[in-house]
Amino acid sequence: MQPFVYDALPGRIVFGVGRRHEVPGEVARLGATRVLLIADGAAAATGDELASGLGAALALRWDEVVQHVPVDLADRARAAATEAAVDTVVCVGGGSATGLAKAIALSHDVAVVAVPTTYAGSEVTPIYGLTGGRHKQTGRDLRVLPRVVVYDPELTVGLPPRVSGASAFNALAHCVEALYAPGANPVVSALALEGVRAIHRWLPVAMEQPTHLDARAGLLYGAYLAGLALGSTGTALHHKLCHVLGGTFDLVHADAHSVILPHAVAYNAPALPEEMARLAEALGAPGADPAGALWDLAVASHVPTTLAELGLAEADLPEAARRATAEITVNPLPVDEARLTALLRDAHVGRRP
């Protein structure tokens, strides 16, 4: 075995059906007395429930949440946090709610308690992102890492199938890229491959039976492992390209993942024979092409498979390739505008890799 370095990230995980009711106790455990509660639109009812449970500790509620966390929104939320003298942020919702909480934690000395309602996985990473001027800037800072994450599968039951599938592919992408991104090591690979197996097993069930709690729990478990894997490694072609598509062209983040992932895997596969073999096995297709297996899973899960259906114009492909080429500094294979443009054209029309 090759030598490696693995930095385990701190954090407390509370996982199980109904565990959202323990959020006030977890907040009290942190010694919080001034809580800012962030709840996105889809999680408004859960936000009401948590607000009631927090009682006098609730200092401010914030419901304006926008994907990719625009800088102006982050600045307004930070100003509100300062005025309310908050010491803890509780965020409930998808990755955008978590992202806004992280933006506040980046500039304020606050603890974050995350209650995810999708499969983003960002709740267990020290990675943050802010968007301004058609550019999404990402960074890594332990100050933004949530201190507590409460996973309750019941909170994902109401996700529409399209959102469930795309969000699960977001998590799947974290697992896949963690196999070869900077910082990859045997510990992270074990977590990532277990995440792939969980998502591959339970995604079709959740798509066919949205209220199946075991399937929802399995997907949430896979998303947690995906977040751990992403939080312990860097990113390469796939994530950088998706950030460009979201930050520059305002595509839905999760949808971009389901479209791009098979093509990014096909691009890098020639340089990663061992990693691809393990990925294919985790996808239940030992010896097969993992890029094709991911494409087939996307089609079977009825998630977006073309950039065209996400609203990206063919005329935008050269700019996307140019911006992504400038962003991608580390990748198993060299990246240039011509090859990325070809990848994007395949993704635009939905050609199986």
Protein backbone atom coordinates (compact mmCIF):
# COMPACT_ATOMS: atom_id res chain seq x y z
CA MET A 1 0.00 0.00 0.00
CA GLN A 2 1.23 3.47 -0.88
CA PRO A 3 1.82 5.97 1.96
CA PHE A 4 -0.98 8.48 2.43
CA VAL A 5 -2.26 11.30 4.64
CA TYR A 6 -5.86 11.47 5.84
CA ASP A 7 -7.20 14.37 7.90
CA ALA A 8 -10.41 13.26 9.61
CA LEU A 9 -12.91 16.10 9.89
CA PRO A 10 -14.64 16.84 13.22
CA GLY A 11 -18.40 16.86 13.63
CA ARG A 12 -21.34 15.18 15.32
CA ILE A 13 -23.82 13.17 13.22
CA VAL A 14 -27.35 12.43 14.44
CA PHE A 15 -29.07 10.05 12.00
CA GLY A 16 -32.49 8.45 12.00
CA VAL A 17 -36.19 8.79 11.38
CA GLY A 18 -37.68 11.56 13.52
CA ARG A 19 -34.31 12.84 14.74
CA ARG A 20 -35.18 16.41 13.65
CA HIS A 21 -37.08 16.69 16.92
CA GLU A 22 -33.71 16.58 18.70
CA VAL A 23 -32.41 19.76 17.05
CA PRO A 24 -33.32 22.03 20.01
CA GLY A 25 -31.45 19.66 22.34
CA GLU A 26 -28.42 19.68 20.06
CA VAL A 27 -28.50 23.48 19.99
CA ALA A 28 -28.68 23.58 23.79
CA ARG A 29 -25.77 21.14 23.94
CA LEU A 30 -23.67 23.71 22.09
CA GLY A 31 -24.57 26.35 24.66
CA ALA A 32 -26.34 28.50 22.09
CA THR A 33 -28.51 31.38 23.28
CA ARG A 34 -28.97 33.45 20.07
CA VAL A 35 -29.94 31.31 17.09
CA LEU A 36 -30.41 32.36 13.47
CA LEU A 37 -32.72 29.87 11.75
CA ILE A 38 -32.39 29.57 7.96
CA ALA A 39 -35.15 27.61 6.20
CA ASP A 40 -35.58 27.53 2.44
CA GLY A 41 -39.00 27.65 0.83
CA ALA A 42 -39.41 23.90 0.51
CA ALA A 43 -38.55 23.45 4.20
CA ALA A 44 -40.85 26.17 5.55
CA ALA A 45 -43.00 23.74 7.53
CA THR A 46 -39.97 22.13 9.13
CA GLY A 47 -38.66 25.61 9.83
CA ASP A 48 -41.88 26.41 11.69
CA GLU A 49 -41.48 23.22 13.71
CA LEU A 50 -37.88 24.01 14.63
CA ALA A 51 -38.69 27.63 15.43
CA SER A 52 -41.29 26.44 17.93
CA GLY A 53 -38.84 24.01 19.50
CA LEU A 54 -36.06 26.59 19.79
CA GLY A 55 -38.31 28.91 21.78
CA ALA A 56 -36.53 31.82 23.44
CA ALA A 57 -33.20 30.83 21.86
CA LEU A 58 -34.48 31.90 18.43
CA ALA A 59 -33.12 35.37 17.71
CA LEU A 60 -33.87 35.64 13.99
CA ARG A 61 -35.44 33.66 11.17
CA TRP A 62 -34.23 33.98 7.56
CA ASP A 63 -36.14 32.52 4.62
CA GLU A 64 -34.44 34.10 1.59
CA VAL A 65 -32.31 31.35 0.05
CA VAL A 66 -30.90 31.41 -3.49
CA GLN A 67 -28.83 28.74 -5.23
CA HIS A 68 -25.10 29.36 -5.64
CA VAL A 69 -25.24 31.89 -2.73
CA PRO A 70 -25.00 35.32 -4.40
CA VAL A 71 -22.53 37.64 -2.66
CA ASP A 72 -25.14 40.35 -2.08
CA LEU A 73 -27.45 37.87 -0.33
CA ALA A 74 -24.59 36.63 1.86
CA ASP A 75 -23.72 40.21 2.80
CA ARG A 76 -27.30 40.98 3.84
CA ALA A 77 -27.57 37.79 5.87
CA ARG A 78 -24.25 38.55 7.56
CA ALA A 79 -25.42 42.05 8.46
CA ALA A 80 -28.61 40.62 9.94
CA ALA A 81 -26.59 38.09 11.94
CA THR A 82 -24.44 40.89 13.33
CA GLU A 83 -27.45 43.00 14.28
CA ALA A 84 -29.13 40.06 16.02
CA ALA A 85 -25.87 39.08 17.78
CA VAL A 86 -26.32 35.41 16.87
CA ASP A 87 -23.97 32.74 18.18
CA THR A 88 -25.38 29.75 16.24
CA VAL A 89 -26.93 29.19 12.83
CA VAL A 90 -29.42 26.37 12.26
CA CYS A 91 -30.05 25.71 8.57
CA VAL A 92 -32.76 23.44 7.23
CA GLY A 93 -33.15 22.76 3.53
CA GLY A 94 -30.99 21.87 0.56
CA GLY A 95 -27.42 22.74 -0.28
CA SER A 96 -28.24 26.41 -0.84
CA ALA A 97 -29.49 26.82 2.74
CA THR A 98 -26.35 25.12 4.01
CA GLY A 99 -24.28 27.32 1.72
CA LEU A 100 -25.78 30.51 3.17
CA ALA A 101 -25.11 29.29 6.71
CA LYS A 102 -21.50 28.63 5.71
CA ALA A 103 -21.19 32.13 4.25
CA ILE A 104 -22.21 33.55 7.63
CA ALA A 105 -19.84 31.24 9.50
CA LEU A 106 -16.99 32.33 7.24
CA SER A 107 -17.20 35.87 8.59
CA HIS A 108 -18.74 35.35 12.05
CA ASP A 109 -17.70 33.24 15.03
CA VAL A 110 -20.79 31.02 14.98
CA ALA A 111 -21.52 27.31 15.17
CA VAL A 112 -23.62 25.74 12.39
CA VAL A 113 -26.22 23.02 12.93
CA ALA A 114 -27.34 21.61 9.58
CA VAL A 115 -30.59 19.75 8.89
CA PRO A 116 -30.40 18.68 5.23
CA THR A 117 -33.53 17.91 3.25
CA THR A 118 -31.76 16.87 0.03
CA TYR A 119 -28.74 14.75 -0.82
CA ALA A 120 -26.24 17.58 -1.32
CA GLY A 121 -23.65 16.31 1.18
CA SER A 122 -22.19 19.79 1.63
CA GLU A 123 -23.28 19.75 5.26
CA VAL A 124 -20.24 17.65 6.20
CA THR A 125 -17.63 19.53 4.18
CA PRO A 126 -15.53 22.63 4.94
CA ILE A 127 -16.15 23.80 1.35
CA TYR A 128 -18.07 27.00 0.67
CA GLY A 129 -19.10 28.83 -2.49
CA LEU A 130 -20.13 32.40 -3.30
CA THR A 131 -21.27 33.75 -6.65
CA GLY A 132 -20.78 37.24 -8.04
CA GLY A 133 -20.22 38.68 -11.49
CA ARG A 134 -21.22 35.41 -13.23
CA HIS A 135 -18.42 33.61 -11.41
CA LYS A 136 -18.69 31.07 -8.59
CA GLN A 137 -15.76 31.22 -6.20
CA THR A 138 -15.25 28.20 -3.97
CA GLY A 139 -12.94 27.81 -1.00
CA ARG A 140 -12.16 25.61 1.96
CA ASP A 141 -12.17 26.73 5.59
CA LEU A 142 -12.84 24.71 8.75
CA ARG A 143 -14.80 27.64 10.19
CA VAL A 144 -17.72 26.80 7.88
CA LEU A 145 -17.87 23.09 8.75
CA PRO A 146 -21.15 22.41 10.63
CA ARG A 147 -20.61 21.29 14.20
CA VAL A 148 -23.71 19.07 14.16
CA VAL A 149 -25.64 17.48 11.30
CA VAL A 150 -29.08 16.00 11.92
CA TYR A 151 -30.21 13.57 9.21
CA ASP A 152 -33.89 12.68 9.25
CA PRO A 153 -35.03 10.57 6.26
CA GLU A 154 -38.62 11.73 6.76
CA LEU A 155 -37.58 15.20 5.60
CA THR A 156 -36.69 13.84 2.16
CA VAL A 157 -39.90 11.93 1.56
CA GLY A 158 -41.62 14.93 0.01
CA LEU A 159 -38.88 15.57 -2.55
CA PRO A 160 -40.28 15.37 -6.09
CA PRO A 161 -38.74 12.47 -8.04
CA ARG A 162 -36.86 14.79 -10.39
CA VAL A 163 -35.28 16.63 -7.46
CA SER A 164 -34.53 13.37 -5.63
CA GLY A 165 -32.78 11.87 -8.63
CA ALA A 166 -30.70 14.90 -9.52
CA SER A 167 -29.74 15.50 -5.89
CA ALA A 168 -28.67 11.86 -5.54
CA PHE A 169 -26.51 12.26 -8.63
CA ASN A 170 -24.93 15.27 -7.00
CA ALA A 171 -23.91 13.01 -4.12
CA LEU A 172 -22.83 10.29 -6.52
CA ALA A 173 -20.54 12.78 -8.25
CA HIS A 174 -18.87 13.56 -4.92
CA CYS A 175 -18.13 9.87 -4.44
CA VAL A 176 -16.82 9.36 -7.96
CA GLU A 177 -14.46 12.31 -8.02
CA ALA A 178 -13.14 11.51 -4.54
CA LEU A 179 -11.61 8.33 -5.99
CA TYR A 180 -8.99 10.33 -7.89
CA ALA A 181 -9.11 14.00 -6.84
CA PRO A 182 -6.19 15.57 -4.92
CA GLY A 183 -6.04 14.05 -1.45
CA ALA A 184 -7.53 10.72 -2.53
CA ASN A 185 -6.45 7.86 -0.25
CA PRO A 186 -7.63 4.36 0.72
CA VAL A 187 -9.79 5.58 3.62
CA VAL A 188 -11.66 8.12 1.47
CA SER A 189 -12.00 5.61 -1.37
CA ALA A 190 -13.64 3.10 0.98
CA LEU A 191 -16.15 5.75 2.08
CA ALA A 192 -16.77 6.86 -1.49
CA LEU A 193 -17.36 3.38 -2.86
CA GLU A 194 -19.74 2.55 -0.01
CA GLY A 195 -21.59 5.74 -0.90
CA VAL A 196 -21.80 4.66 -4.56
CA ARG A 197 -23.17 1.28 -3.55
CA ALA A 198 -25.82 2.85 -1.29
CA ILE A 199 -26.98 5.35 -3.90
CA HIS A 200 -26.97 2.78 -6.71
CA ARG A 201 -29.03 0.37 -4.59
CA TRP A 202 -31.60 2.79 -3.23
CA LEU A 203 -32.08 5.44 -5.93
CA PRO A 204 -34.26 3.28 -8.21
CA VAL A 205 -36.39 2.25 -5.22
CA ALA A 206 -36.88 5.84 -4.06
CA MET A 207 -37.81 6.92 -7.58
CA GLU A 208 -40.46 4.21 -7.86
CA GLN A 209 -41.65 4.43 -4.24
CA PRO A 210 -41.04 8.00 -2.98
CA THR A 211 -42.37 7.27 0.52
CA HIS A 212 -40.16 4.19 1.05
CA LEU A 213 -38.33 5.20 4.24
CA ASP A 214 -35.59 2.57 3.94
CA ALA A 215 -34.80 3.87 0.46
CA ARG A 216 -34.79 7.46 1.68
CA ALA A 217 -32.54 6.52 4.58
CA GLY A 218 -30.21 4.63 2.23
CA LEU A 219 -29.90 7.64 -0.06
CA LEU A 220 -29.29 9.96 2.86
CA TYR A 221 -26.61 7.61 4.17
CA GLY A 222 -24.98 7.58 0.74
CA ALA A 223 -25.12 11.38 0.61
CA TYR A 224 -23.47 11.60 4.03
CA LEU A 225 -20.63 9.35 2.87
CA ALA A 226 -20.36 11.39 -0.32
CA GLY A 227 -19.98 14.56 1.70
CA LEU A 228 -17.29 12.98 3.86
CA ALA A 229 -15.41 11.92 0.74
CA LEU A 230 -15.68 15.34 -0.88
CA GLY A 231 -14.73 17.12 2.32
CA SER A 232 -11.51 15.14 2.62
CA THR A 233 -10.32 15.54 -0.97
CA GLY A 234 -10.18 18.19 -3.67
CA THR A 235 -12.05 18.52 -6.93
CA ALA A 236 -11.21 18.00 -10.56
CA LEU A 237 -12.87 18.34 -13.97
CA HIS A 238 -16.39 17.35 -13.01
CA HIS A 239 -17.00 19.70 -10.10
CA LYS A 240 -15.17 22.63 -11.66
CA LEU A 241 -17.23 22.29 -14.83
CA CYS A 242 -20.48 22.11 -12.87
CA HIS A 243 -19.51 25.21 -10.89
CA VAL A 244 -18.95 27.09 -14.14
CA LEU A 245 -22.30 25.95 -15.52
CA GLY A 246 -24.05 27.05 -12.34
CA GLY A 247 -22.16 30.24 -11.56
CA THR A 248 -21.99 31.58 -15.13
CA PHE A 249 -25.19 30.28 -16.68
CA ASP A 250 -27.32 29.80 -13.54
CA LEU A 251 -28.07 26.14 -14.22
CA VAL A 252 -29.51 24.16 -11.32
CA HIS A 253 -26.52 22.67 -9.52
CA ALA A 254 -27.85 19.14 -9.01
CA ASP A 255 -29.18 18.90 -12.57
CA ALA A 256 -25.78 19.84 -13.96
CA HIS A 257 -24.24 16.96 -12.01
CA SER A 258 -26.57 14.34 -13.48
CA VAL A 259 -25.84 15.55 -17.02
CA ILE A 260 -22.07 15.99 -16.74
CA LEU A 261 -21.00 13.05 -14.54
CA PRO A 262 -21.03 10.25 -17.16
CA HIS A 263 -19.11 12.43 -19.62
CA ALA A 264 -16.54 13.53 -17.04
CA VAL A 265 -15.96 9.90 -16.07
CA ALA A 266 -15.54 8.91 -19.73
CA TYR A 267 -13.05 11.76 -20.20
CA ASN A 268 -10.82 10.69 -17.31
CA ALA A 269 -11.28 6.91 -17.52
CA PRO A 270 -8.21 6.19 -19.72
CA ALA A 271 -5.93 7.48 -16.97
CA LEU A 272 -7.69 5.62 -14.12
CA PRO A 273 -8.04 1.90 -14.90
CA GLU A 274 -7.93 0.71 -11.28
CA GLU A 275 -10.31 3.38 -9.98
CA MET A 276 -12.74 2.75 -12.84
CA ALA A 277 -12.73 -0.98 -12.18
CA ARG A 278 -13.67 -0.40 -8.53
CA LEU A 279 -16.31 2.12 -9.54
CA ALA A 280 -17.89 -0.29 -12.03
CA GLU A 281 -18.06 -2.97 -9.35
CA ALA A 282 -19.72 -0.55 -6.89
CA LEU A 283 -22.26 0.30 -9.60
CA GLY A 284 -23.16 -3.36 -9.87
CA ALA A 285 -21.52 -3.72 -13.28
CA PRO A 286 -18.12 -5.38 -12.73
CA GLY A 287 -16.03 -5.31 -15.86
CA ALA A 288 -18.35 -2.84 -17.59
CA ASP A 289 -17.78 0.76 -18.60
CA PRO A 290 -18.65 2.90 -15.53
CA ALA A 291 -19.43 5.96 -17.66
CA GLY A 292 -22.08 3.98 -19.53
CA ALA A 293 -23.38 2.50 -16.27
CA LEU A 294 -23.80 6.01 -14.82
CA TRP A 295 -25.60 7.13 -17.97
CA ASP A 296 -27.96 4.14 -17.77
CA LEU A 297 -28.66 4.89 -14.09
CA ALA A 298 -29.47 8.50 -14.99
CA VAL A 299 -31.86 7.43 -17.74
CA ALA A 300 -33.52 4.84 -15.49
CA SER A 301 -33.88 7.46 -12.74
CA HIS A 302 -35.50 9.98 -15.11
CA VAL A 303 -33.01 12.73 -14.24
CA PRO A 304 -31.76 15.33 -16.76
CA THR A 305 -29.27 13.93 -19.27
CA THR A 306 -28.84 16.88 -21.66
CA LEU A 307 -27.64 20.44 -21.17
CA ALA A 308 -30.21 21.51 -23.73
CA GLU A 309 -33.09 20.54 -21.44
CA LEU A 310 -31.49 22.61 -18.67
CA GLY A 311 -31.72 25.67 -20.88
CA LEU A 312 -28.08 26.04 -21.95
CA ALA A 313 -27.81 27.29 -25.52
CA GLU A 314 -25.43 25.58 -27.91
CA ALA A 315 -23.83 28.97 -28.55
CA ASP A 316 -22.78 29.08 -24.87
CA LEU A 317 -20.67 25.92 -25.06
CA PRO A 318 -17.40 27.60 -26.15
CA GLU A 319 -17.61 30.12 -23.30
CA ALA A 320 -18.33 27.33 -20.81
CA ALA A 321 -15.31 25.39 -22.08
CA ARG A 322 -13.09 28.45 -21.93
CA ARG A 323 -14.10 29.33 -18.37
CA ALA A 324 -13.80 25.75 -17.17
CA THR A 325 -10.36 25.32 -18.74
CA ALA A 326 -9.17 28.33 -16.75
CA GLU A 327 -10.67 26.90 -13.54
CA ILE A 328 -9.35 23.33 -13.80
CA THR A 329 -5.80 23.20 -12.49
CA VAL A 330 -5.69 19.56 -11.37
CA ASN A 331 -7.11 16.59 -13.28
CA PRO A 332 -5.94 13.06 -14.14
CA LEU A 333 -5.76 14.03 -17.84
CA PRO A 334 -4.81 17.39 -19.37
CA VAL A 335 -7.69 19.75 -20.09
CA ASP A 336 -7.99 22.11 -23.05
CA GLU A 337 -10.81 24.10 -24.62
CA ALA A 338 -11.17 21.86 -27.65
CA ARG A 339 -11.59 18.66 -25.64
CA LEU A 340 -13.94 20.30 -23.13
CA THR A 341 -16.02 21.75 -25.94
CA ALA A 342 -16.36 18.25 -27.40
CA LEU A 343 -17.39 16.89 -23.98
CA LEU A 344 -19.97 19.66 -23.61
CA ARG A 345 -21.38 19.05 -27.09
CA ASP A 346 -21.95 15.40 -26.21
CA ALA A 347 -23.58 16.48 -22.95
CA HIS A 348 -25.68 19.10 -24.73
CA VAL A 349 -27.37 16.62 -27.05
CA GLY A 350 -27.37 13.73 -24.57
CA ARG A 351 -25.07 11.27 -26.31
CA ARG A 352 -24.37 8.14 -24.25
CA PRO A 353 -20.62 8.06 -23.52
